[in-house]
Amino acid sequence: MDQEYEGSGLFLSWGCGQFGQHGHHRTQDDVAAKDGVLGQFSKDKDRDWTTTSWPGSGGGSHQVKLFSCGASHTVVVTDSNEIFAWGNGKSGQLGTGDTETHLKPTQIYLPRDVESVSSSLDSRPVDTPHIKGVRCGGRHTFIWLDNGQMYSFGNNFYVQLGYDMQIKHHKDNQVVPNLLYGLIIHDVLQIACGERHTMLLMYNGLLALLG
């Protein structure tokens, strides 16, 4: 990486873009690391990214604090607890309420409260507890909060999302974030996602395996 990028507050994404998972608004070709700056999530006090040609350049209003990559999708969380996802959404792993491919970072929202978990996607910004972590599996995603609650979405064919897909509003492809009712009594500390399974480590030392 060129030295001009060191300590610059830039967010970079590169590699395969078959499903737009690198966030550079195209699928035709791969992106090299030297061209990987995503302006929407980059801030540099010595450079005005609004005058560059970087995809999504908008003054770096969103500073990334957390990010995770799946097989063909990407999810980031900003320092203001905003959630953005892009790439392959065929299994609902973007949480955007559809199964489309999103070439640009698309903001998604957690349910407003426990009672609205089964409702349709709520696109209104709301105050949410501090987001502590995000993990992407092959075709699914987990997000957890500092209050110990966790949300999952995407492919659930192997029950890797942690809830019974036979429930009416829980399908094999869950397209919006859903609160995990069955594990809500346990506060999650850490999560790891594989291709078709998930591991949850609780504060009390309990280890739960899903999938």
N, C-alpha and C. Protein backbone atom coordinates (compact mmCIF):
# COMPACT_ATOMS: atom_id res chain seq x y z
N MET A 1 0.83 -1.19 0.00
CA MET A 1 0.00 0.00 0.00
C MET A 1 0.87 1.25 0.00
N ASP A 2 0.49 2.24 -0.80
CA ASP A 2 1.25 3.48 -0.89
C ASP A 2 1.28 4.18 0.45
N GLN A 3 2.42 4.78 0.80
CA GLN A 3 2.57 5.44 2.09
C GLN A 3 1.60 6.60 2.27
N GLU A 4 1.11 7.17 1.16
CA GLU A 4 0.22 8.32 1.30
C GLU A 4 -1.09 7.94 1.98
N TYR A 5 -1.42 6.65 2.05
CA TYR A 5 -2.65 6.20 2.67
C TYR A 5 -2.49 5.94 4.17
N GLU A 6 -1.26 5.80 4.64
CA GLU A 6 -1.04 5.41 6.02
C GLU A 6 -1.57 6.46 7.00
N GLY A 7 -2.40 6.00 7.94
CA GLY A 7 -2.96 6.89 8.95
C GLY A 7 -3.88 7.95 8.41
N SER A 8 -4.44 7.72 7.22
CA SER A 8 -5.23 8.76 6.57
C SER A 8 -6.71 8.69 6.88
N GLY A 9 -7.16 7.67 7.61
CA GLY A 9 -8.58 7.55 7.92
C GLY A 9 -9.40 7.07 6.74
N LEU A 10 -8.77 6.35 5.82
CA LEU A 10 -9.47 5.87 4.64
C LEU A 10 -10.03 4.47 4.88
N PHE A 11 -11.13 4.17 4.20
CA PHE A 11 -11.70 2.83 4.21
C PHE A 11 -11.55 2.28 2.80
N LEU A 12 -10.88 1.13 2.68
CA LEU A 12 -10.59 0.56 1.38
C LEU A 12 -11.22 -0.82 1.23
N SER A 13 -11.65 -1.11 0.02
CA SER A 13 -12.22 -2.41 -0.30
C SER A 13 -11.77 -2.79 -1.71
N TRP A 14 -11.30 -4.03 -1.88
CA TRP A 14 -10.81 -4.42 -3.20
C TRP A 14 -11.01 -5.91 -3.40
N GLY A 15 -10.74 -6.36 -4.62
CA GLY A 15 -10.87 -7.77 -4.95
C GLY A 15 -11.98 -8.03 -5.94
N CYS A 16 -12.54 -9.23 -5.85
CA CYS A 16 -13.58 -9.67 -6.78
C CYS A 16 -14.84 -8.81 -6.63
N GLY A 17 -15.45 -8.48 -7.77
CA GLY A 17 -16.67 -7.68 -7.73
C GLY A 17 -17.82 -8.32 -8.49
N GLN A 18 -17.83 -9.64 -8.55
CA GLN A 18 -18.85 -10.34 -9.32
C GLN A 18 -20.26 -9.92 -8.92
N PHE A 19 -20.47 -9.68 -7.62
CA PHE A 19 -21.77 -9.26 -7.12
C PHE A 19 -21.72 -7.84 -6.54
N GLY A 20 -20.68 -7.10 -6.90
CA GLY A 20 -20.55 -5.75 -6.38
C GLY A 20 -20.13 -5.71 -4.93
N GLN A 21 -19.57 -6.82 -4.40
CA GLN A 21 -19.26 -6.89 -2.98
C GLN A 21 -18.12 -5.98 -2.56
N HIS A 22 -17.36 -5.45 -3.53
CA HIS A 22 -16.30 -4.51 -3.15
C HIS A 22 -16.82 -3.08 -2.98
N GLY A 23 -18.09 -2.84 -3.35
CA GLY A 23 -18.72 -1.55 -3.09
C GLY A 23 -18.36 -0.44 -4.06
N HIS A 24 -17.77 -0.78 -5.20
CA HIS A 24 -17.35 0.23 -6.15
C HIS A 24 -18.33 0.42 -7.31
N HIS A 25 -19.58 0.07 -7.05
CA HIS A 25 -20.70 0.39 -7.94
C HIS A 25 -20.61 -0.30 -9.30
N ARG A 26 -19.90 -1.39 -9.40
CA ARG A 26 -19.83 -2.09 -10.68
C ARG A 26 -19.52 -3.56 -10.43
N THR A 27 -19.81 -4.38 -11.44
CA THR A 27 -19.56 -5.81 -11.34
C THR A 27 -18.67 -6.31 -12.46
N GLN A 28 -18.30 -5.45 -13.38
CA GLN A 28 -17.60 -5.89 -14.58
C GLN A 28 -16.17 -6.35 -14.31
N ASP A 29 -15.50 -5.78 -13.33
CA ASP A 29 -14.10 -6.13 -13.12
C ASP A 29 -13.74 -6.10 -11.64
N ASP A 30 -12.56 -6.64 -11.36
CA ASP A 30 -12.04 -6.63 -10.00
C ASP A 30 -11.40 -5.28 -9.71
N VAL A 31 -11.15 -5.01 -8.44
CA VAL A 31 -10.56 -3.75 -8.02
C VAL A 31 -9.24 -4.03 -7.32
N ALA A 32 -8.19 -3.31 -7.71
CA ALA A 32 -6.89 -3.46 -7.07
C ALA A 32 -6.86 -2.67 -5.77
N ALA A 33 -6.00 -3.07 -4.85
CA ALA A 33 -5.91 -2.41 -3.55
C ALA A 33 -5.60 -0.93 -3.68
N LYS A 34 -4.76 -0.57 -4.65
CA LYS A 34 -4.39 0.84 -4.82
C LYS A 34 -5.56 1.70 -5.26
N ASP A 35 -6.62 1.07 -5.77
CA ASP A 35 -7.81 1.79 -6.21
C ASP A 35 -9.00 1.54 -5.29
N GLY A 36 -8.71 1.07 -4.08
CA GLY A 36 -9.78 0.56 -3.23
C GLY A 36 -10.48 1.55 -2.32
N VAL A 37 -10.12 2.83 -2.33
CA VAL A 37 -10.73 3.78 -1.41
C VAL A 37 -12.23 3.93 -1.69
N LEU A 38 -13.03 3.79 -0.64
CA LEU A 38 -14.47 4.07 -0.72
C LEU A 38 -14.70 5.43 -0.07
N GLY A 39 -14.92 6.42 -0.90
CA GLY A 39 -15.02 7.80 -0.41
C GLY A 39 -16.12 8.04 0.59
N GLN A 40 -17.23 7.30 0.47
CA GLN A 40 -18.36 7.48 1.37
C GLN A 40 -17.96 7.21 2.81
N PHE A 41 -16.97 6.35 3.01
CA PHE A 41 -16.56 5.96 4.35
C PHE A 41 -15.15 6.40 4.69
N SER A 42 -14.63 7.39 3.98
CA SER A 42 -13.25 7.82 4.18
C SER A 42 -13.18 9.29 4.56
N LYS A 43 -12.28 9.58 5.47
CA LYS A 43 -12.08 10.95 5.91
C LYS A 43 -10.59 11.21 6.03
N ASP A 44 -10.17 12.33 5.49
CA ASP A 44 -8.76 12.73 5.56
C ASP A 44 -8.72 14.23 5.71
N LYS A 45 -8.22 14.70 6.82
CA LYS A 45 -8.20 16.14 7.07
C LYS A 45 -7.36 16.89 6.05
N ASP A 46 -6.46 16.19 5.35
CA ASP A 46 -5.57 16.85 4.40
C ASP A 46 -6.04 16.70 2.96
N ARG A 47 -7.21 16.08 2.76
CA ARG A 47 -7.66 15.87 1.39
C ARG A 47 -9.17 15.97 1.33
N ASP A 48 -9.68 16.61 0.29
CA ASP A 48 -11.11 16.75 0.10
C ASP A 48 -11.59 15.64 -0.83
N TRP A 49 -12.18 14.59 -0.22
CA TRP A 49 -12.61 13.45 -1.03
C TRP A 49 -13.86 13.74 -1.82
N THR A 50 -14.52 14.86 -1.58
CA THR A 50 -15.70 15.21 -2.37
C THR A 50 -15.32 15.62 -3.77
N THR A 51 -14.05 15.94 -4.02
CA THR A 51 -13.61 16.36 -5.34
C THR A 51 -12.95 15.23 -6.11
N THR A 52 -12.95 14.03 -5.55
CA THR A 52 -12.31 12.90 -6.22
C THR A 52 -13.35 12.09 -6.97
N SER A 53 -12.86 11.10 -7.70
CA SER A 53 -13.75 10.22 -8.46
C SER A 53 -14.00 8.91 -7.73
N TRP A 54 -13.61 8.85 -6.44
CA TRP A 54 -13.83 7.61 -5.69
C TRP A 54 -15.32 7.32 -5.58
N PRO A 55 -15.73 6.05 -5.74
CA PRO A 55 -17.14 5.70 -5.62
C PRO A 55 -17.70 6.12 -4.27
N GLY A 56 -18.88 6.71 -4.30
CA GLY A 56 -19.56 7.06 -3.06
C GLY A 56 -18.94 8.22 -2.33
N SER A 57 -18.05 8.97 -2.99
CA SER A 57 -17.40 10.07 -2.28
C SER A 57 -18.44 11.08 -1.85
N GLY A 58 -18.42 11.41 -0.57
CA GLY A 58 -19.41 12.34 -0.06
C GLY A 58 -18.89 13.05 1.17
N GLY A 59 -17.60 13.25 1.19
CA GLY A 59 -17.04 13.98 2.31
C GLY A 59 -16.71 13.11 3.50
N GLY A 60 -16.84 11.79 3.34
CA GLY A 60 -16.50 10.90 4.43
C GLY A 60 -17.37 11.12 5.65
N SER A 61 -18.68 11.27 5.44
CA SER A 61 -19.57 11.54 6.56
C SER A 61 -19.79 10.32 7.44
N HIS A 62 -19.45 9.14 6.92
CA HIS A 62 -19.64 7.90 7.66
C HIS A 62 -18.28 7.28 7.97
N GLN A 63 -17.91 7.27 9.23
CA GLN A 63 -16.65 6.66 9.64
C GLN A 63 -16.91 5.23 10.12
N VAL A 64 -16.24 4.27 9.53
CA VAL A 64 -16.47 2.87 9.83
C VAL A 64 -15.76 2.48 11.13
N LYS A 65 -16.51 1.80 12.02
CA LYS A 65 -15.91 1.26 13.24
C LYS A 65 -15.87 -0.27 13.22
N LEU A 66 -16.79 -0.89 12.46
CA LEU A 66 -16.86 -2.35 12.37
C LEU A 66 -17.17 -2.75 10.93
N PHE A 67 -16.64 -3.87 10.50
CA PHE A 67 -17.01 -4.38 9.18
C PHE A 67 -16.77 -5.88 9.13
N SER A 68 -17.47 -6.53 8.20
CA SER A 68 -17.32 -7.96 8.03
C SER A 68 -17.66 -8.32 6.59
N CYS A 69 -17.02 -9.36 6.08
CA CYS A 69 -17.23 -9.79 4.69
C CYS A 69 -17.70 -11.24 4.66
N GLY A 70 -18.73 -11.49 3.86
CA GLY A 70 -19.20 -12.84 3.62
C GLY A 70 -18.63 -13.37 2.32
N ALA A 71 -19.23 -14.42 1.79
CA ALA A 71 -18.76 -15.00 0.54
C ALA A 71 -18.87 -14.01 -0.60
N SER A 72 -19.93 -13.20 -0.59
CA SER A 72 -20.11 -12.23 -1.68
C SER A 72 -20.90 -11.01 -1.21
N HIS A 73 -20.83 -10.69 0.08
CA HIS A 73 -21.48 -9.49 0.57
C HIS A 73 -20.64 -8.86 1.68
N THR A 74 -20.90 -7.59 1.93
CA THR A 74 -20.15 -6.81 2.91
C THR A 74 -21.11 -6.01 3.77
N VAL A 75 -20.84 -5.93 5.07
CA VAL A 75 -21.64 -5.13 6.00
C VAL A 75 -20.70 -4.29 6.85
N VAL A 76 -21.00 -3.00 6.99
CA VAL A 76 -20.20 -2.13 7.84
C VAL A 76 -21.11 -1.43 8.84
N VAL A 77 -20.53 -1.05 9.97
CA VAL A 77 -21.22 -0.26 11.00
C VAL A 77 -20.38 0.98 11.24
N THR A 78 -21.03 2.15 11.27
CA THR A 78 -20.30 3.40 11.45
C THR A 78 -20.21 3.77 12.92
N ASP A 79 -19.43 4.81 13.19
CA ASP A 79 -19.26 5.25 14.58
C ASP A 79 -20.53 5.86 15.14
N SER A 80 -21.52 6.12 14.29
CA SER A 80 -22.83 6.60 14.77
C SER A 80 -23.87 5.48 14.74
N ASN A 81 -23.40 4.23 14.68
CA ASN A 81 -24.26 3.04 14.72
C ASN A 81 -25.20 2.92 13.53
N GLU A 82 -24.79 3.46 12.41
CA GLU A 82 -25.51 3.23 11.16
C GLU A 82 -24.98 1.96 10.53
N ILE A 83 -25.86 1.22 9.86
CA ILE A 83 -25.50 -0.05 9.24
C ILE A 83 -25.67 0.06 7.73
N PHE A 84 -24.64 -0.33 6.98
CA PHE A 84 -24.70 -0.32 5.53
C PHE A 84 -24.29 -1.69 5.01
N ALA A 85 -24.96 -2.15 3.95
CA ALA A 85 -24.66 -3.45 3.37
C ALA A 85 -24.68 -3.35 1.86
N TRP A 86 -23.88 -4.20 1.21
CA TRP A 86 -23.88 -4.22 -0.25
C TRP A 86 -23.35 -5.55 -0.74
N GLY A 87 -23.58 -5.83 -2.02
CA GLY A 87 -23.15 -7.08 -2.63
C GLY A 87 -24.32 -8.00 -2.94
N ASN A 88 -24.08 -9.29 -2.86
CA ASN A 88 -25.07 -10.30 -3.19
C ASN A 88 -26.13 -10.38 -2.09
N GLY A 89 -27.38 -10.19 -2.47
CA GLY A 89 -28.47 -10.26 -1.49
C GLY A 89 -29.45 -11.37 -1.79
N LYS A 90 -29.04 -12.35 -2.58
CA LYS A 90 -29.96 -13.40 -3.04
C LYS A 90 -30.61 -14.15 -1.89
N SER A 91 -29.91 -14.30 -0.77
CA SER A 91 -30.46 -15.04 0.37
C SER A 91 -30.96 -14.11 1.47
N GLY A 92 -31.02 -12.81 1.19
CA GLY A 92 -31.46 -11.86 2.20
C GLY A 92 -30.36 -11.44 3.15
N GLN A 93 -29.11 -11.79 2.85
CA GLN A 93 -28.00 -11.54 3.77
C GLN A 93 -27.65 -10.06 3.91
N LEU A 94 -28.23 -9.21 3.09
CA LEU A 94 -27.99 -7.76 3.22
C LEU A 94 -28.96 -7.11 4.20
N GLY A 95 -30.08 -7.76 4.47
CA GLY A 95 -31.06 -7.20 5.40
C GLY A 95 -31.83 -6.04 4.84
N THR A 96 -31.87 -5.92 3.52
CA THR A 96 -32.51 -4.77 2.87
C THR A 96 -33.98 -4.98 2.55
N GLY A 97 -34.52 -6.13 2.92
CA GLY A 97 -35.93 -6.39 2.67
C GLY A 97 -36.21 -6.99 1.31
N ASP A 98 -35.16 -7.32 0.56
CA ASP A 98 -35.32 -7.93 -0.75
C ASP A 98 -34.21 -8.95 -0.97
N THR A 99 -34.19 -9.55 -2.15
CA THR A 99 -33.14 -10.52 -2.49
C THR A 99 -32.37 -10.06 -3.71
N GLU A 100 -32.22 -8.77 -3.83
CA GLU A 100 -31.53 -8.18 -4.98
C GLU A 100 -30.04 -7.98 -4.68
N THR A 101 -29.26 -7.83 -5.74
CA THR A 101 -27.86 -7.44 -5.61
C THR A 101 -27.78 -5.93 -5.49
N HIS A 102 -27.06 -5.44 -4.49
CA HIS A 102 -26.91 -4.00 -4.28
C HIS A 102 -25.46 -3.61 -4.55
N LEU A 103 -25.25 -2.81 -5.58
CA LEU A 103 -23.90 -2.40 -5.95
C LEU A 103 -23.39 -1.25 -5.09
N LYS A 104 -24.30 -0.51 -4.48
CA LYS A 104 -23.93 0.62 -3.64
C LYS A 104 -24.26 0.32 -2.18
N PRO A 105 -23.50 0.88 -1.24
CA PRO A 105 -23.83 0.71 0.18
C PRO A 105 -25.26 1.16 0.45
N THR A 106 -26.05 0.28 1.03
CA THR A 106 -27.46 0.54 1.32
C THR A 106 -27.67 0.49 2.82
N GLN A 107 -28.27 1.54 3.38
CA GLN A 107 -28.47 1.57 4.82
C GLN A 107 -29.61 0.65 5.22
N ILE A 108 -29.40 -0.12 6.28
CA ILE A 108 -30.45 -0.99 6.80
C ILE A 108 -30.69 -0.63 8.26
N TYR A 109 -31.82 -1.10 8.79
CA TYR A 109 -32.24 -0.71 10.14
C TYR A 109 -32.65 -1.93 10.94
N LEU A 110 -32.34 -1.91 12.21
CA LEU A 110 -32.82 -2.95 13.11
C LEU A 110 -34.27 -2.64 13.49
N PRO A 111 -35.03 -3.66 13.90
CA PRO A 111 -36.42 -3.42 14.32
C PRO A 111 -36.47 -2.37 15.42
N ARG A 112 -37.55 -1.61 15.45
CA ARG A 112 -37.69 -0.53 16.42
C ARG A 112 -37.76 -1.06 17.84
N ASP A 113 -38.37 -2.22 18.01
CA ASP A 113 -38.49 -2.82 19.34
C ASP A 113 -38.81 -4.29 19.17
N VAL A 114 -38.88 -5.00 20.30
CA VAL A 114 -39.12 -6.44 20.25
C VAL A 114 -40.44 -6.77 19.57
N GLU A 115 -41.47 -5.95 19.82
CA GLU A 115 -42.79 -6.25 19.28
C GLU A 115 -42.82 -6.15 17.76
N SER A 116 -41.90 -5.39 17.15
CA SER A 116 -41.95 -5.17 15.71
C SER A 116 -41.01 -6.09 14.96
N VAL A 117 -40.42 -7.08 15.65
CA VAL A 117 -39.45 -7.95 15.00
C VAL A 117 -40.04 -8.64 13.79
N SER A 118 -41.31 -9.03 13.86
CA SER A 118 -41.92 -9.77 12.77
C SER A 118 -42.51 -8.87 11.70
N SER A 119 -42.39 -7.57 11.86
CA SER A 119 -42.98 -6.65 10.89
C SER A 119 -42.08 -6.49 9.69
N SER A 120 -42.58 -5.78 8.69
CA SER A 120 -41.79 -5.54 7.49
C SER A 120 -40.67 -4.55 7.78
N LEU A 121 -39.77 -4.40 6.82
CA LEU A 121 -38.61 -3.54 7.00
C LEU A 121 -39.04 -2.13 7.38
N ASP A 122 -38.47 -1.61 8.45
CA ASP A 122 -38.76 -0.27 8.91
C ASP A 122 -37.60 0.63 8.50
N SER A 123 -37.84 1.53 7.56
CA SER A 123 -36.77 2.34 7.00
C SER A 123 -36.58 3.66 7.73
N ARG A 124 -37.27 3.86 8.84
CA ARG A 124 -37.13 5.10 9.58
C ARG A 124 -35.95 5.03 10.54
N PRO A 125 -35.09 6.04 10.51
CA PRO A 125 -33.97 6.04 11.46
C PRO A 125 -34.49 6.06 12.89
N VAL A 126 -33.88 5.25 13.74
CA VAL A 126 -34.28 5.22 15.15
C VAL A 126 -33.02 5.15 16.00
N ASP A 127 -33.18 5.53 17.26
CA ASP A 127 -32.08 5.39 18.19
C ASP A 127 -31.94 3.93 18.59
N THR A 128 -30.77 3.37 18.39
CA THR A 128 -30.54 1.98 18.76
C THR A 128 -29.40 1.93 19.77
N PRO A 129 -29.39 0.87 20.60
CA PRO A 129 -28.27 0.71 21.51
C PRO A 129 -26.96 0.60 20.73
N HIS A 130 -25.89 0.82 21.39
CA HIS A 130 -24.57 0.75 20.77
C HIS A 130 -24.35 -0.61 20.12
N ILE A 131 -23.99 -0.62 18.84
CA ILE A 131 -23.71 -1.87 18.13
C ILE A 131 -22.29 -2.31 18.45
N LYS A 132 -22.18 -3.51 18.96
CA LYS A 132 -20.89 -4.00 19.43
C LYS A 132 -20.15 -4.83 18.39
N GLY A 133 -20.90 -5.53 17.52
CA GLY A 133 -20.22 -6.39 16.56
C GLY A 133 -21.08 -6.75 15.38
N VAL A 134 -20.41 -7.14 14.27
CA VAL A 134 -21.08 -7.64 13.08
C VAL A 134 -20.24 -8.78 12.51
N ARG A 135 -20.90 -9.85 12.10
CA ARG A 135 -20.22 -10.97 11.48
C ARG A 135 -21.03 -11.46 10.28
N CYS A 136 -20.32 -11.72 9.19
CA CYS A 136 -20.94 -12.26 8.00
C CYS A 136 -20.51 -13.70 7.80
N GLY A 137 -21.46 -14.57 7.56
CA GLY A 137 -21.16 -15.93 7.16
C GLY A 137 -21.17 -16.01 5.64
N GLY A 138 -21.24 -17.21 5.12
CA GLY A 138 -21.27 -17.35 3.67
C GLY A 138 -22.42 -16.59 3.05
N ARG A 139 -23.63 -16.82 3.59
CA ARG A 139 -24.83 -16.15 3.07
C ARG A 139 -25.75 -15.70 4.20
N HIS A 140 -25.17 -15.38 5.35
CA HIS A 140 -25.98 -14.88 6.46
C HIS A 140 -25.17 -13.87 7.26
N THR A 141 -25.89 -13.11 8.12
CA THR A 141 -25.26 -12.01 8.86
C THR A 141 -25.81 -11.96 10.27
N PHE A 142 -24.93 -11.66 11.22
CA PHE A 142 -25.30 -11.44 12.62
C PHE A 142 -24.83 -10.06 13.05
N ILE A 143 -25.66 -9.38 13.82
CA ILE A 143 -25.29 -8.11 14.45
C ILE A 143 -25.67 -8.20 15.92
N TRP A 144 -24.77 -7.78 16.81
CA TRP A 144 -25.11 -7.81 18.23
C TRP A 144 -24.80 -6.47 18.88
N LEU A 145 -25.53 -6.20 19.98
CA LEU A 145 -25.48 -4.91 20.67
C LEU A 145 -24.77 -5.04 22.00
N ASP A 146 -24.41 -3.90 22.57
CA ASP A 146 -23.72 -3.95 23.85
C ASP A 146 -24.64 -4.32 25.00
N ASN A 147 -25.96 -4.38 24.74
CA ASN A 147 -26.87 -4.86 25.76
C ASN A 147 -27.05 -6.38 25.70
N GLY A 148 -26.28 -7.02 24.81
CA GLY A 148 -26.30 -8.48 24.72
C GLY A 148 -27.27 -9.05 23.71
N GLN A 149 -28.15 -8.23 23.17
CA GLN A 149 -29.11 -8.73 22.18
C GLN A 149 -28.45 -8.93 20.83
N MET A 150 -29.00 -9.85 20.02
CA MET A 150 -28.43 -10.13 18.71
C MET A 150 -29.51 -10.28 17.66
N TYR A 151 -29.16 -9.91 16.44
CA TYR A 151 -30.06 -9.98 15.29
C TYR A 151 -29.39 -10.79 14.19
N SER A 152 -30.20 -11.52 13.43
CA SER A 152 -29.66 -12.31 12.33
C SER A 152 -30.56 -12.20 11.11
N PHE A 153 -29.97 -12.41 9.93
CA PHE A 153 -30.73 -12.37 8.68
C PHE A 153 -29.92 -13.04 7.59
N GLY A 154 -30.62 -13.42 6.52
CA GLY A 154 -29.98 -14.12 5.42
C GLY A 154 -30.45 -15.56 5.31
N ASN A 155 -29.58 -16.43 4.80
CA ASN A 155 -29.93 -17.82 4.60
C ASN A 155 -30.09 -18.57 5.92
N ASN A 156 -31.19 -19.31 6.04
CA ASN A 156 -31.46 -20.07 7.27
C ASN A 156 -31.79 -21.52 6.95
N PHE A 157 -31.32 -22.00 5.79
CA PHE A 157 -31.65 -23.35 5.37
C PHE A 157 -31.14 -24.38 6.36
N TYR A 158 -30.01 -24.10 7.00
CA TYR A 158 -29.44 -25.02 7.99
C TYR A 158 -29.69 -24.53 9.42
N VAL A 159 -30.63 -23.59 9.57
CA VAL A 159 -31.01 -23.00 10.85
C VAL A 159 -29.82 -22.27 11.49
N GLN A 160 -28.93 -21.76 10.66
CA GLN A 160 -27.76 -21.03 11.16
C GLN A 160 -28.11 -19.65 11.70
N LEU A 161 -29.35 -19.20 11.48
CA LEU A 161 -29.78 -17.91 12.03
C LEU A 161 -30.25 -18.02 13.47
N GLY A 162 -30.52 -19.24 13.91
CA GLY A 162 -30.87 -19.42 15.31
C GLY A 162 -32.34 -19.45 15.63
N TYR A 163 -33.21 -19.51 14.61
CA TYR A 163 -34.63 -19.65 14.89
C TYR A 163 -35.28 -20.61 13.90
N ASP A 164 -36.41 -21.12 14.29
CA ASP A 164 -37.11 -22.15 13.54
C ASP A 164 -37.74 -21.55 12.30
N MET A 165 -37.32 -21.99 11.12
CA MET A 165 -37.85 -21.41 9.88
C MET A 165 -39.28 -21.88 9.59
N GLN A 166 -39.82 -22.78 10.42
CA GLN A 166 -41.21 -23.19 10.24
C GLN A 166 -42.18 -22.16 10.82
N ILE A 167 -41.67 -21.24 11.66
CA ILE A 167 -42.51 -20.15 12.14
C ILE A 167 -42.94 -19.30 10.95
N LYS A 168 -44.15 -18.82 10.96
CA LYS A 168 -44.76 -18.20 9.79
C LYS A 168 -43.89 -17.12 9.16
N HIS A 169 -43.34 -16.21 9.97
CA HIS A 169 -42.59 -15.08 9.40
C HIS A 169 -41.09 -15.33 9.36
N HIS A 170 -40.66 -16.54 9.71
CA HIS A 170 -39.25 -16.91 9.64
C HIS A 170 -39.06 -17.91 8.50
N LYS A 171 -38.48 -17.47 7.40
CA LYS A 171 -38.33 -18.30 6.22
C LYS A 171 -36.89 -18.80 6.11
N ASP A 172 -36.66 -19.66 5.10
CA ASP A 172 -35.30 -20.15 4.90
C ASP A 172 -34.38 -19.03 4.44
N ASN A 173 -34.94 -18.00 3.82
CA ASN A 173 -34.19 -16.79 3.50
C ASN A 173 -34.86 -15.62 4.21
N GLN A 174 -34.25 -15.12 5.26
CA GLN A 174 -34.81 -14.04 6.07
C GLN A 174 -34.21 -12.72 5.58
N VAL A 175 -35.06 -11.82 5.03
CA VAL A 175 -34.55 -10.65 4.32
C VAL A 175 -34.44 -9.40 5.17
N VAL A 176 -34.87 -9.46 6.44
CA VAL A 176 -34.73 -8.32 7.35
C VAL A 176 -34.15 -8.81 8.67
N PRO A 177 -33.47 -7.94 9.42
CA PRO A 177 -32.92 -8.35 10.72
C PRO A 177 -34.01 -8.77 11.69
N ASN A 178 -33.77 -9.87 12.39
CA ASN A 178 -34.72 -10.36 13.39
C ASN A 178 -34.00 -10.62 14.71
N LEU A 179 -34.65 -10.21 15.78
CA LEU A 179 -34.11 -10.44 17.11
C LEU A 179 -34.23 -11.92 17.47
N LEU A 180 -33.19 -12.49 18.04
CA LEU A 180 -33.22 -13.89 18.43
C LEU A 180 -33.95 -14.05 19.75
N TYR A 181 -35.21 -14.45 19.69
CA TYR A 181 -36.01 -14.62 20.89
C TYR A 181 -35.48 -15.73 21.79
N GLY A 182 -35.13 -16.87 21.18
CA GLY A 182 -34.76 -18.03 21.96
C GLY A 182 -33.53 -17.84 22.82
N LEU A 183 -32.66 -16.91 22.42
CA LEU A 183 -31.42 -16.68 23.16
C LEU A 183 -31.39 -15.32 23.83
N ILE A 184 -32.54 -14.65 23.88
CA ILE A 184 -32.58 -13.29 24.40
C ILE A 184 -32.27 -13.25 25.89
N ILE A 185 -32.42 -14.39 26.58
CA ILE A 185 -32.13 -14.41 28.02
C ILE A 185 -30.63 -14.46 28.29
N HIS A 186 -29.84 -14.69 27.24
CA HIS A 186 -28.39 -14.74 27.38
C HIS A 186 -27.77 -13.53 26.67
N ASP A 187 -26.80 -12.91 27.30
CA ASP A 187 -26.09 -11.78 26.69
C ASP A 187 -24.89 -12.31 25.92
N VAL A 188 -24.84 -11.98 24.63
CA VAL A 188 -23.78 -12.50 23.77
C VAL A 188 -22.51 -11.66 23.90
N LEU A 189 -21.38 -12.33 23.92
CA LEU A 189 -20.08 -11.67 24.01
C LEU A 189 -19.38 -11.62 22.67
N GLN A 190 -19.43 -12.71 21.93
CA GLN A 190 -18.74 -12.80 20.66
C GLN A 190 -19.47 -13.77 19.74
N ILE A 191 -19.35 -13.53 18.42
CA ILE A 191 -20.01 -14.37 17.43
C ILE A 191 -19.03 -14.67 16.29
N ALA A 192 -19.08 -15.89 15.79
CA ALA A 192 -18.32 -16.27 14.60
C ALA A 192 -19.26 -16.99 13.65
N CYS A 193 -19.16 -16.68 12.36
CA CYS A 193 -20.03 -17.28 11.35
C CYS A 193 -19.21 -18.02 10.31
N GLY A 194 -19.64 -19.24 9.99
CA GLY A 194 -19.04 -20.00 8.91
C GLY A 194 -19.93 -19.98 7.69
N GLU A 195 -19.68 -20.89 6.78
CA GLU A 195 -20.47 -20.95 5.56
C GLU A 195 -21.93 -21.29 5.86
N ARG A 196 -22.14 -22.25 6.77
CA ARG A 196 -23.50 -22.71 7.05
C ARG A 196 -23.75 -22.90 8.54
N HIS A 197 -22.94 -22.27 9.38
CA HIS A 197 -23.13 -22.43 10.82
C HIS A 197 -22.69 -21.16 11.54
N THR A 198 -23.07 -21.07 12.81
CA THR A 198 -22.76 -19.91 13.63
C THR A 198 -22.38 -20.38 15.04
N MET A 199 -21.42 -19.70 15.65
CA MET A 199 -21.03 -19.98 17.03
C MET A 199 -21.23 -18.73 17.87
N LEU A 200 -21.88 -18.88 19.02
CA LEU A 200 -22.17 -17.77 19.91
C LEU A 200 -21.51 -18.01 21.26
N LEU A 201 -20.73 -17.05 21.72
CA LEU A 201 -20.14 -17.13 23.05
C LEU A 201 -20.84 -16.13 23.96
N MET A 202 -21.43 -16.62 25.06
CA MET A 202 -22.17 -15.76 25.98
C MET A 202 -21.27 -15.28 27.12
N TYR A 203 -21.70 -14.21 27.77
CA TYR A 203 -20.94 -13.67 28.90
C TYR A 203 -20.80 -14.67 30.04
N ASN A 204 -21.79 -15.56 30.16
CA ASN A 204 -21.73 -16.54 31.26
C ASN A 204 -20.89 -17.75 30.91
N GLY A 205 -20.23 -17.72 29.72
CA GLY A 205 -19.37 -18.83 29.32
C GLY A 205 -20.05 -19.87 28.44
N LEU A 206 -21.38 -19.75 28.30
CA LEU A 206 -22.11 -20.70 27.46
C LEU A 206 -21.72 -20.53 26.01
N LEU A 207 -21.50 -21.65 25.33
CA LEU A 207 -21.20 -21.65 23.90
C LEU A 207 -22.34 -22.31 23.15
N ALA A 208 -22.95 -21.59 22.23
CA ALA A 208 -24.07 -22.12 21.47
C ALA A 208 -23.64 -22.29 20.02
N LEU A 209 -24.02 -23.43 19.44
CA LEU A 209 -23.70 -23.74 18.04
C LEU A 209 -24.99 -23.84 17.25
N LEU A 210 -25.04 -23.15 16.12
CA LEU A 210 -26.23 -23.12 15.28
C LEU A 210 -25.86 -23.56 13.87
N GLY A 211 -26.74 -24.34 13.25
CA GLY A 211 -26.50 -24.74 11.86
C GLY A 211 -26.19 -26.21 11.71
